[in-house]
Amino acid sequence: MENVVIRGYSGKLDGYFHRAFLLTAPSVLILSGSPDECSMNNELIKSTFKRFANRGFSVLRYDHRGVGRSEGEFKKNIGELVDVSLAVDWLRDSVPQSSQLVVFGFSYGAVLALRIFMRRPDIGYFVLCSPLECKSDSNFVSPCPGPGTIIYPSGDSKMINDSTVNLYHRLSGQQRFEIRCSIVKDAVHDFSNRMDEFMDKLDDCITYLLDNKYKSERANLYGKRRKKIIENTLMAQC
């Protein structure tokens, strides 16, 4: 694992990166919650980072602007989303031969993960953990352009479980892509009282990803769209 610096929209972002042994290994970007909840050194974030790394992924996590050694000010606006997109670019440039790209988000990081997934067709899968803020505005999730997994704690006093169920149904309303939902019974928001059970759910999700069981139409559509853009550009230059 190495300490890295990512150039964000408002300054440098402090992060940690693990490079997988295989050049074609899948990669994952891990997004922590808001500054008042945790940093990239939160136990859940560190454990998730380590588990993905041990399962053969290239992994990147970083502190949001204004957290730790990251520059800028955290405002919960488009700026943080731009930073996420720049982190995706950094990860793709660092492991250009990676077979697939996954985004994982915890709490407010889950909101950012889902929003960037909607905007970046090069991301093949999302994992949302305790998507707290999604209860305030989930209009942006419809239609969902690809597959993913939601892991949520049933004993979280910060969450309205009905809102998570509603989010799941809105995301899974399209038959084209599978949205999976895993519940950790009686767990609190950060799963600190049920960490072993959370890691079991995460392991199941990682196995699912490595077995390549989820549909890959999203990547295929992106490849076709990119090819069409290149063809149109070449034709325009003729």
C-alpha atoms as a PDB file:
ATOM      1  CA  MET A   1       0.000   0.000   0.000  1.00  0.00           C
ATOM      2  CA  GLU A   2       1.325   3.429  -0.904  1.00  0.00           C
ATOM      3  CA  ASN A   3       0.351   6.950   0.103  1.00  0.00           C
ATOM      4  CA  VAL A   4      -0.756   8.890  -2.991  1.00  0.00           C
ATOM      5  CA  VAL A   5      -1.851  12.405  -3.865  1.00  0.00           C
ATOM      6  CA  ILE A   6      -4.769  12.974  -6.250  1.00  0.00           C
ATOM      7  CA  ARG A   7      -5.273  16.327  -7.888  1.00  0.00           C
ATOM      8  CA  GLY A   8      -8.806  17.364  -6.909  1.00  0.00           C
ATOM      9  CA  TYR A   9     -10.852  20.284  -8.188  1.00  0.00           C
ATOM     10  CA  SER A  10      -9.967  22.498  -5.183  1.00  0.00           C
ATOM     11  CA  GLY A  11      -6.568  21.099  -4.281  1.00  0.00           C
ATOM     12  CA  LYS A  12      -4.692  17.935  -3.434  1.00  0.00           C
ATOM     13  CA  LEU A  13      -6.509  14.897  -2.033  1.00  0.00           C
ATOM     14  CA  ASP A  14      -4.673  12.521   0.287  1.00  0.00           C
ATOM     15  CA  GLY A  15      -5.187   8.826  -0.380  1.00  0.00           C
ATOM     16  CA  TYR A  16      -3.909   5.268  -0.211  1.00  0.00           C
ATOM     17  CA  PHE A  17      -3.535   2.915  -3.161  1.00  0.00           C
ATOM     18  CA  HIS A  18      -2.933  -0.815  -3.402  1.00  0.00           C
ATOM     19  CA  ARG A  19      -1.821  -2.155  -6.785  1.00  0.00           C
ATOM     20  CA  ALA A  20      -2.854  -5.714  -7.565  1.00  0.00           C
ATOM     21  CA  PHE A  21      -0.238  -8.181  -8.792  1.00  0.00           C
ATOM     22  CA  LEU A  22      -2.119  -8.900 -12.031  1.00  0.00           C
ATOM     23  CA  LEU A  23      -2.247  -6.079 -14.579  1.00  0.00           C
ATOM     24  CA  THR A  24      -5.790  -7.066 -15.579  1.00  0.00           C
ATOM     25  CA  ALA A  25      -7.088  -7.371 -12.001  1.00  0.00           C
ATOM     26  CA  PRO A  26     -10.358  -5.560 -11.249  1.00  0.00           C
ATOM     27  CA  SER A  27     -10.151  -2.213  -9.464  1.00  0.00           C
ATOM     28  CA  VAL A  28     -12.338  -0.478  -6.882  1.00  0.00           C
ATOM     29  CA  LEU A  29     -12.695   3.087  -5.618  1.00  0.00           C
ATOM     30  CA  ILE A  30     -13.777   3.304  -1.954  1.00  0.00           C
ATOM     31  CA  LEU A  31     -15.627   6.450  -0.827  1.00  0.00           C
ATOM     32  CA  SER A  32     -15.966   7.253   2.879  1.00  0.00           C
ATOM     33  CA  GLY A  33     -18.777   9.177   4.558  1.00  0.00           C
ATOM     34  CA  SER A  34     -18.951  12.912   5.230  1.00  0.00           C
ATOM     35  CA  PRO A  35     -16.326  14.516   7.544  1.00  0.00           C
ATOM     36  CA  ASP A  36     -18.649  14.496  10.560  1.00  0.00           C
ATOM     37  CA  GLU A  37     -19.042  10.723  10.171  1.00  0.00           C
ATOM     38  CA  CYS A  38     -15.609   9.363   9.317  1.00  0.00           C
ATOM     39  CA  SER A  39     -12.422   9.633   7.290  1.00  0.00           C
ATOM     40  CA  MET A  40     -10.671   7.147   5.031  1.00  0.00           C
ATOM     41  CA  ASN A  41      -9.116   5.717   8.226  1.00  0.00           C
ATOM     42  CA  ASN A  42     -12.494   4.653   9.621  1.00  0.00           C
ATOM     43  CA  GLU A  43     -12.467   0.990  10.643  1.00  0.00           C
ATOM     44  CA  LEU A  44     -15.116   0.012   8.083  1.00  0.00           C
ATOM     45  CA  ILE A  45     -13.295   1.809   5.259  1.00  0.00           C
ATOM     46  CA  LYS A  46      -9.914   0.307   6.182  1.00  0.00           C
ATOM     47  CA  SER A  47     -11.378  -3.194   6.545  1.00  0.00           C
ATOM     48  CA  THR A  48     -13.160  -2.887   3.198  1.00  0.00           C
ATOM     49  CA  PHE A  49      -9.935  -1.673   1.558  1.00  0.00           C
ATOM     50  CA  LYS A  50      -7.987  -4.601   2.994  1.00  0.00           C
ATOM     51  CA  ARG A  51     -10.614  -7.177   1.999  1.00  0.00           C
ATOM     52  CA  PHE A  52     -10.763  -6.015  -1.626  1.00  0.00           C
ATOM     53  CA  ALA A  53      -6.941  -5.977  -1.749  1.00  0.00           C
ATOM     54  CA  ASN A  54      -6.693  -9.489  -0.310  1.00  0.00           C
ATOM     55  CA  ARG A  55      -9.175 -10.700  -2.922  1.00  0.00           C
ATOM     56  CA  GLY A  56      -6.983  -9.462  -5.769  1.00  0.00           C
ATOM     57  CA  PHE A  57      -8.328  -5.975  -6.526  1.00  0.00           C
ATOM     58  CA  SER A  58      -6.389  -2.783  -7.108  1.00  0.00           C
ATOM     59  CA  VAL A  59      -7.881  -0.442  -4.485  1.00  0.00           C
ATOM     60  CA  LEU A  60      -7.979   3.326  -3.964  1.00  0.00           C
ATOM     61  CA  ARG A  61      -9.362   5.242  -0.999  1.00  0.00           C
ATOM     62  CA  TYR A  62      -8.928   8.925  -0.204  1.00  0.00           C
ATOM     63  CA  ASP A  63     -10.034  11.635   2.211  1.00  0.00           C
ATOM     64  CA  HIS A  64     -12.637  14.092   0.956  1.00  0.00           C
ATOM     65  CA  ARG A  65     -11.622  17.744   0.646  1.00  0.00           C
ATOM     66  CA  GLY A  66     -11.120  19.397   4.027  1.00  0.00           C
ATOM     67  CA  VAL A  67     -10.536  16.060   5.791  1.00  0.00           C
ATOM     68  CA  GLY A  68      -7.141  15.055   7.160  1.00  0.00           C
ATOM     69  CA  ARG A  69      -4.419  16.240   4.792  1.00  0.00           C
ATOM     70  CA  SER A  70      -6.783  16.803   1.855  1.00  0.00           C
ATOM     71  CA  GLU A  71      -7.074  20.420   0.750  1.00  0.00           C
ATOM     72  CA  GLY A  72     -10.259  22.418   0.170  1.00  0.00           C
ATOM     73  CA  GLU A  73     -13.562  22.729   2.022  1.00  0.00           C
ATOM     74  CA  PHE A  74     -16.257  20.060   2.228  1.00  0.00           C
ATOM     75  CA  LYS A  75     -19.653  21.512   1.245  1.00  0.00           C
ATOM     76  CA  LYS A  76     -21.772  18.538   0.087  1.00  0.00           C
ATOM     77  CA  ASN A  77     -22.183  19.958  -3.402  1.00  0.00           C
ATOM     78  CA  ILE A  78     -21.054  19.257  -6.957  1.00  0.00           C
ATOM     79  CA  GLY A  79     -17.429  19.846  -5.920  1.00  0.00           C
ATOM     80  CA  GLU A  80     -17.180  16.526  -4.089  1.00  0.00           C
ATOM     81  CA  LEU A  81     -18.660  14.747  -7.117  1.00  0.00           C
ATOM     82  CA  VAL A  82     -16.041  16.354  -9.371  1.00  0.00           C
ATOM     83  CA  ASP A  83     -13.361  15.094  -6.973  1.00  0.00           C
ATOM     84  CA  VAL A  84     -14.786  11.574  -7.251  1.00  0.00           C
ATOM     85  CA  SER A  85     -14.670  11.760 -11.040  1.00  0.00           C
ATOM     86  CA  LEU A  86     -11.038  12.896 -10.884  1.00  0.00           C
ATOM     87  CA  ALA A  87     -10.280   9.991  -8.529  1.00  0.00           C
ATOM     88  CA  VAL A  88     -11.867   7.608 -11.049  1.00  0.00           C
ATOM     89  CA  ASP A  89      -9.620   9.088 -13.748  1.00  0.00           C
ATOM     90  CA  TRP A  90      -6.584   8.671 -11.485  1.00  0.00           C
ATOM     91  CA  LEU A  91      -7.436   5.034 -10.820  1.00  0.00           C
ATOM     92  CA  ARG A  92      -8.051   4.245 -14.484  1.00  0.00           C
ATOM     93  CA  ASP A  93      -4.762   5.897 -15.467  1.00  0.00           C
ATOM     94  CA  SER A  94      -2.918   3.935 -12.760  1.00  0.00           C
ATOM     95  CA  VAL A  95      -4.311   0.543 -13.821  1.00  0.00           C
ATOM     96  CA  PRO A  96      -5.275   1.022 -17.496  1.00  0.00           C
ATOM     97  CA  GLN A  97      -5.553  -2.724 -18.155  1.00  0.00           C
ATOM     98  CA  SER A  98      -7.946  -3.387 -15.268  1.00  0.00           C
ATOM     99  CA  SER A  99     -10.710  -5.780 -16.321  1.00  0.00           C
ATOM    100  CA  GLN A 100     -13.478  -3.918 -14.495  1.00  0.00           C
ATOM    101  CA  LEU A 101     -14.037  -0.870 -12.305  1.00  0.00           C
ATOM    102  CA  VAL A 102     -16.214  -0.923  -9.183  1.00  0.00           C
ATOM    103  CA  VAL A 103     -17.237   1.966  -6.924  1.00  0.00           C
ATOM    104  CA  PHE A 104     -17.991   1.387  -3.213  1.00  0.00           C
ATOM    105  CA  GLY A 105     -19.528   4.049  -1.003  1.00  0.00           C
ATOM    106  CA  PHE A 106     -20.390   4.257   2.701  1.00  0.00           C
ATOM    107  CA  SER A 107     -23.155   6.591   4.004  1.00  0.00           C
ATOM    108  CA  TYR A 108     -22.731   9.925   2.184  1.00  0.00           C
ATOM    109  CA  GLY A 109     -20.057   8.192   0.127  1.00  0.00           C
ATOM    110  CA  ALA A 110     -22.819   5.866  -1.103  1.00  0.00           C
ATOM    111  CA  VAL A 111     -24.653   8.890  -2.520  1.00  0.00           C
ATOM    112  CA  LEU A 112     -21.500   9.990  -4.313  1.00  0.00           C
ATOM    113  CA  ALA A 113     -20.912   6.431  -5.534  1.00  0.00           C
ATOM    114  CA  LEU A 114     -24.384   6.186  -7.035  1.00  0.00           C
ATOM    115  CA  ARG A 115     -24.224   9.639  -8.583  1.00  0.00           C
ATOM    116  CA  ILE A 116     -20.857   8.990 -10.238  1.00  0.00           C
ATOM    117  CA  PHE A 117     -22.112   5.599 -11.425  1.00  0.00           C
ATOM    118  CA  MET A 118     -24.941   7.387 -13.237  1.00  0.00           C
ATOM    119  CA  ARG A 119     -22.459   9.681 -14.964  1.00  0.00           C
ATOM    120  CA  ARG A 120     -19.558   7.350 -15.755  1.00  0.00           C
ATOM    121  CA  PRO A 121     -20.427   4.403 -18.017  1.00  0.00           C
ATOM    122  CA  ASP A 122     -16.868   3.103 -17.595  1.00  0.00           C
ATOM    123  CA  ILE A 123     -17.810   2.054 -14.033  1.00  0.00           C
ATOM    124  CA  GLY A 124     -19.267  -1.433 -14.256  1.00  0.00           C
ATOM    125  CA  TYR A 125     -20.706  -2.011 -10.766  1.00  0.00           C
ATOM    126  CA  PHE A 126     -21.617  -0.166  -7.559  1.00  0.00           C
ATOM    127  CA  VAL A 127     -21.778  -1.203  -3.900  1.00  0.00           C
ATOM    128  CA  LEU A 128     -23.776   1.044  -1.536  1.00  0.00           C
ATOM    129  CA  CYS A 129     -23.239   0.614   2.202  1.00  0.00           C
ATOM    130  CA  SER A 130     -25.647   2.346   4.642  1.00  0.00           C
ATOM    131  CA  PRO A 131     -26.884   4.840   1.990  1.00  0.00           C
ATOM    132  CA  LEU A 132     -28.067   7.348   4.619  1.00  0.00           C
ATOM    133  CA  GLU A 133     -28.565  10.459   2.498  1.00  0.00           C
ATOM    134  CA  CYS A 134     -30.444   8.665  -0.275  1.00  0.00           C
ATOM    135  CA  LYS A 135     -33.605   9.095   1.773  1.00  0.00           C
ATOM    136  CA  SER A 136     -33.606  12.837   1.076  1.00  0.00           C
ATOM    137  CA  ASP A 137     -33.516  12.683  -2.703  1.00  0.00           C
ATOM    138  CA  SER A 138     -33.549   9.514  -4.770  1.00  0.00           C
ATOM    139  CA  ASN A 139     -35.007  11.046  -7.913  1.00  0.00           C
ATOM    140  CA  PHE A 140     -31.614  10.877  -9.583  1.00  0.00           C
ATOM    141  CA  VAL A 141     -31.552   7.062  -9.428  1.00  0.00           C
ATOM    142  CA  SER A 142     -34.194   6.505 -12.092  1.00  0.00           C
ATOM    143  CA  PRO A 143     -33.478   4.981 -14.477  1.00  0.00           C
ATOM    144  CA  CYS A 144     -30.503   3.030 -13.141  1.00  0.00           C
ATOM    145  CA  PRO A 145     -28.074   2.237 -15.971  1.00  0.00           C
ATOM    146  CA  GLY A 146     -26.338  -0.778 -14.463  1.00  0.00           C
ATOM    147  CA  PRO A 147     -26.024  -3.479 -11.771  1.00  0.00           C
ATOM    148  CA  GLY A 148     -25.083  -3.109  -8.118  1.00  0.00           C
ATOM    149  CA  THR A 149     -25.460  -4.215  -4.497  1.00  0.00           C
ATOM    150  CA  ILE A 150     -26.910  -2.463  -1.438  1.00  0.00           C
ATOM    151  CA  ILE A 151     -25.744  -3.519   2.046  1.00  0.00           C
ATOM    152  CA  TYR A 152     -27.661  -1.908   4.882  1.00  0.00           C
ATOM    153  CA  PRO A 153     -27.993  -2.330   8.663  1.00  0.00           C
ATOM    154  CA  SER A 154     -31.478  -3.029   9.977  1.00  0.00           C
ATOM    155  CA  GLY A 155     -30.686  -1.559  13.416  1.00  0.00           C
ATOM    156  CA  ASP A 156     -29.445   1.821  12.200  1.00  0.00           C
ATOM    157  CA  SER A 157     -31.209   4.651  14.054  1.00  0.00           C
ATOM    158  CA  LYS A 158     -29.924   7.139  11.460  1.00  0.00           C
ATOM    159  CA  MET A 159     -31.679   5.415   8.594  1.00  0.00           C
ATOM    160  CA  ILE A 160     -35.297   5.007   7.642  1.00  0.00           C
ATOM    161  CA  ASN A 161     -35.418   1.397   6.495  1.00  0.00           C
ATOM    162  CA  ASP A 162     -38.460   2.072   4.315  1.00  0.00           C
ATOM    163  CA  SER A 163     -36.392   4.573   2.340  1.00  0.00           C
ATOM    164  CA  THR A 164     -33.692   1.977   1.708  1.00  0.00           C
ATOM    165  CA  VAL A 165     -36.302  -0.525   0.560  1.00  0.00           C
ATOM    166  CA  ASN A 166     -37.781   2.163  -1.692  1.00  0.00           C
ATOM    167  CA  LEU A 167     -34.317   2.908  -3.085  1.00  0.00           C
ATOM    168  CA  TYR A 168     -33.799  -0.783  -3.782  1.00  0.00           C
ATOM    169  CA  HIS A 169     -37.132  -1.092  -5.590  1.00  0.00           C
ATOM    170  CA  ARG A 170     -36.476   2.017  -7.662  1.00  0.00           C
ATOM    171  CA  LEU A 171     -33.068   0.739  -8.685  1.00  0.00           C
ATOM    172  CA  SER A 172     -34.247  -2.802  -9.370  1.00  0.00           C
ATOM    173  CA  GLY A 173     -37.373  -1.754 -11.267  1.00  0.00           C
ATOM    174  CA  GLN A 174     -35.641  -2.466 -14.553  1.00  0.00           C
ATOM    175  CA  GLN A 175     -35.227  -6.083 -15.556  1.00  0.00           C
ATOM    176  CA  ARG A 176     -32.132  -5.389 -17.623  1.00  0.00           C
ATOM    177  CA  PHE A 177     -29.756  -5.178 -14.652  1.00  0.00           C
ATOM    178  CA  GLU A 178     -29.759  -7.036 -11.337  1.00  0.00           C
ATOM    179  CA  ILE A 179     -29.706  -5.032  -8.102  1.00  0.00           C
ATOM    180  CA  ARG A 180     -28.880  -7.161  -5.058  1.00  0.00           C
ATOM    181  CA  CYS A 181     -29.757  -6.263  -1.468  1.00  0.00           C
ATOM    182  CA  SER A 182     -28.101  -7.648   1.676  1.00  0.00           C
ATOM    183  CA  ILE A 183     -29.331  -6.908   5.205  1.00  0.00           C
ATOM    184  CA  VAL A 184     -27.144  -7.119   8.313  1.00  0.00           C
ATOM    185  CA  LYS A 185     -29.620  -7.694  11.128  1.00  0.00           C
ATOM    186  CA  ASP A 186     -29.467  -5.372  14.170  1.00  0.00           C
ATOM    187  CA  ALA A 187     -26.297  -3.655  12.916  1.00  0.00           C
ATOM    188  CA  VAL A 188     -25.694   0.036  13.657  1.00  0.00           C
ATOM    189  CA  HIS A 189     -24.840   2.567  10.960  1.00  0.00           C
ATOM    190  CA  ASP A 190     -21.121   1.722  10.666  1.00  0.00           C
ATOM    191  CA  PHE A 191     -21.623  -2.008  11.428  1.00  0.00           C
ATOM    192  CA  SER A 192     -19.256  -1.698  14.414  1.00  0.00           C
ATOM    193  CA  ASN A 193     -21.406  -4.143  16.418  1.00  0.00           C
ATOM    194  CA  ARG A 194     -21.732  -6.586  13.502  1.00  0.00           C
ATOM    195  CA  MET A 195     -18.460  -6.148  11.606  1.00  0.00           C
ATOM    196  CA  ASP A 196     -17.939  -9.874  11.020  1.00  0.00           C
ATOM    197  CA  GLU A 197     -21.404 -10.194   9.495  1.00  0.00           C
ATOM    198  CA  PHE A 198     -20.772  -7.140   7.316  1.00  0.00           C
ATOM    199  CA  MET A 199     -17.498  -8.600   6.050  1.00  0.00           C
ATOM    200  CA  ASP A 200     -19.301 -11.843   5.203  1.00  0.00           C
ATOM    201  CA  LYS A 201     -21.800  -9.872   3.097  1.00  0.00           C
ATOM    202  CA  LEU A 202     -18.949  -7.992   1.445  1.00  0.00           C
ATOM    203  CA  ASP A 203     -17.164 -11.265   0.706  1.00  0.00           C
ATOM    204  CA  ASP A 204     -20.298 -12.594  -0.974  1.00  0.00           C
ATOM    205  CA  CYS A 205     -20.437  -9.454  -3.106  1.00  0.00           C
ATOM    206  CA  ILE A 206     -16.755  -9.731  -4.066  1.00  0.00           C
ATOM    207  CA  THR A 207     -17.164 -13.400  -4.976  1.00  0.00           C
ATOM    208  CA  TYR A 208     -20.121 -12.440  -7.146  1.00  0.00           C
ATOM    209  CA  LEU A 209     -17.969  -9.833  -8.901  1.00  0.00           C
ATOM    210  CA  LEU A 210     -15.006 -12.150  -9.395  1.00  0.00           C
ATOM    211  CA  ASP A 211     -17.250 -14.894 -10.758  1.00  0.00           C
ATOM    212  CA  ASN A 212     -18.452 -12.300 -13.280  1.00  0.00           C
ATOM    213  CA  LYS A 213     -22.061 -13.306 -12.670  1.00  0.00           C
ATOM    214  CA  TYR A 214     -23.502  -9.847 -13.176  1.00  0.00           C
ATOM    215  CA  LYS A 215     -24.627  -8.698 -16.599  1.00  0.00           C
ATOM    216  CA  SER A 216     -22.028  -6.885 -18.683  1.00  0.00           C
ATOM    217  CA  GLU A 217     -24.314  -5.045 -21.106  1.00  0.00           C
ATOM    218  CA  ARG A 218     -23.318  -1.726 -19.518  1.00  0.00           C
ATOM    219  CA  ALA A 219     -19.677  -2.199 -20.511  1.00  0.00           C
ATOM    220  CA  ASN A 220     -20.681  -3.418 -23.954  1.00  0.00           C
ATOM    221  CA  LEU A 221     -22.928  -0.412 -24.490  1.00  0.00           C
ATOM    222  CA  TYR A 222     -20.130   1.876 -23.384  1.00  0.00           C
ATOM    223  CA  GLY A 223     -17.729   0.197 -25.811  1.00  0.00           C
ATOM    224  CA  LYS A 224     -20.177   0.560 -28.689  1.00  0.00           C
ATOM    225  CA  ARG A 225     -20.900   4.179 -27.792  1.00  0.00           C
ATOM    226  CA  ARG A 226     -17.189   4.996 -27.585  1.00  0.00           C
ATOM    227  CA  LYS A 227     -16.582   3.288 -30.951  1.00  0.00           C
ATOM    228  CA  LYS A 228     -19.409   5.302 -32.512  1.00  0.00           C
ATOM    229  CA  ILE A 229     -17.989   8.565 -31.123  1.00  0.00           C
ATOM    230  CA  ILE A 230     -14.573   7.719 -32.561  1.00  0.00           C
ATOM    231  CA  GLU A 231     -16.105   6.853 -35.928  1.00  0.00           C
ATOM    232  CA  ASN A 232     -18.087  10.103 -36.011  1.00  0.00           C
ATOM    233  CA  THR A 233     -14.985  12.085 -35.084  1.00  0.00           C
ATOM    234  CA  LEU A 234     -12.968  10.455 -37.848  1.00  0.00           C
ATOM    235  CA  MET A 235     -15.732  11.067 -40.376  1.00  0.00           C
ATOM    236  CA  ALA A 236     -15.914  14.730 -39.354  1.00  0.00           C
ATOM    237  CA  GLN A 237     -12.187  15.077 -39.955  1.00  0.00           C
ATOM    238  CA  CYS A 238     -12.377  13.623 -43.465  1.00  0.00           C
END
